[in-house]
């Protein structure tokens, strides 16, 4: 890994771990703010896709149907 890539990775990891703003994390490297923002958007997109793929199933009765409704009446 190149030195620049390692720095970007470190900054992105710090951003994700601390929840600090991009500006705070990149204070020592303001020239990297646009690239860190791009990487953050990419990481969030991938996380959203993973969450959608591996979402736990909805508990019974929360999908708009009542499993006991067919037993009534």
Protein backbone atom coordinates (compact mmCIF):
# COMPACT_ATOMS: atom_id res chain seq x y z
CA UNK A 1 0.00 0.00 0.00
CA UNK A 2 1.30 3.43 -0.88
CA UNK A 3 1.86 6.02 1.82
CA UNK A 4 -1.01 8.21 0.53
CA UNK A 5 -3.43 5.27 0.49
CA UNK A 6 -2.41 4.31 4.02
CA UNK A 7 -3.08 7.85 5.23
CA UNK A 8 -6.50 7.90 3.55
CA UNK A 9 -7.34 4.55 5.13
CA UNK A 10 -6.25 5.79 8.56
CA UNK A 11 -8.31 8.96 8.22
CA UNK A 12 -11.39 7.04 7.06
CA UNK A 13 -11.05 4.54 9.91
CA UNK A 14 -10.76 7.36 12.44
CA UNK A 15 -13.80 9.02 10.94
CA UNK A 16 -15.88 5.86 11.13
CA UNK A 17 -14.71 4.96 14.63
CA UNK A 18 -15.10 8.37 16.24
CA UNK A 19 -18.03 9.86 14.36
CA UNK A 20 -16.10 13.14 14.14
CA UNK A 21 -16.59 15.40 11.14
CA UNK A 22 -14.45 15.09 8.03
CA UNK A 23 -13.03 18.54 8.72
CA UNK A 24 -11.92 17.57 12.23
CA UNK A 25 -10.36 14.27 11.15
CA UNK A 26 -8.61 15.90 8.19
CA UNK A 27 -7.47 19.02 10.07
CA UNK A 28 -3.82 18.13 9.44
CA UNK A 29 -4.47 17.29 5.80
CA UNK A 30 -7.20 19.64 4.48
CA UNK A 31 -6.27 18.82 0.90
CA UNK A 32 -7.61 15.30 1.48
CA UNK A 33 -11.11 16.40 2.55
CA UNK A 34 -12.72 15.80 -0.88
CA UNK A 35 -11.20 12.32 -1.22
CA UNK A 36 -12.09 11.35 2.36
CA UNK A 37 -15.67 12.52 1.74
CA UNK A 38 -15.80 10.38 -1.40
CA UNK A 39 -14.50 7.35 0.47
CA UNK A 40 -16.92 7.94 3.33
CA UNK A 41 -19.86 8.05 0.89
CA UNK A 42 -18.62 4.83 -0.69
CA UNK A 43 -18.27 3.12 2.71
CA UNK A 44 -21.77 4.22 3.73
CA UNK A 45 -23.19 2.95 0.44
CA UNK A 46 -21.55 -0.43 0.88
CA UNK A 47 -22.80 -0.60 4.49
CA UNK A 48 -26.36 0.20 3.38
CA UNK A 49 -26.19 -2.57 0.77
CA UNK A 50 -24.87 -5.04 3.36
CA UNK A 51 -27.60 -4.04 5.81
CA UNK A 52 -30.23 -4.62 3.12
CA UNK A 53 -28.80 -7.99 2.14
CA UNK A 54 -28.41 -9.30 5.65
CA UNK A 55 -31.32 -7.65 7.42
CA UNK A 56 -32.90 -9.89 10.04
CA UNK A 57 -36.35 -11.18 9.12
CA UNK A 58 -39.28 -9.20 10.48
CA UNK A 59 -40.91 -10.77 13.55
CA UNK A 60 -44.24 -12.43 12.84
CA UNK A 61 -47.13 -10.01 12.69
CA UNK A 62 -44.99 -7.02 11.70
CA UNK A 63 -45.26 -7.53 7.95
CA UNK A 64 -48.85 -6.30 7.78
CA UNK A 65 -50.47 -9.65 8.47
CA UNK A 66 -51.67 -11.17 11.68
CA UNK A 67 -50.98 -14.87 11.85
CA UNK A 68 -54.00 -15.33 14.11
CA UNK A 69 -56.43 -13.55 11.75
CA UNK A 70 -57.11 -16.74 9.79
CA UNK A 71 -58.06 -18.55 13.02
CA UNK A 72 -60.70 -15.99 14.02
CA UNK A 73 -64.38 -16.08 13.34
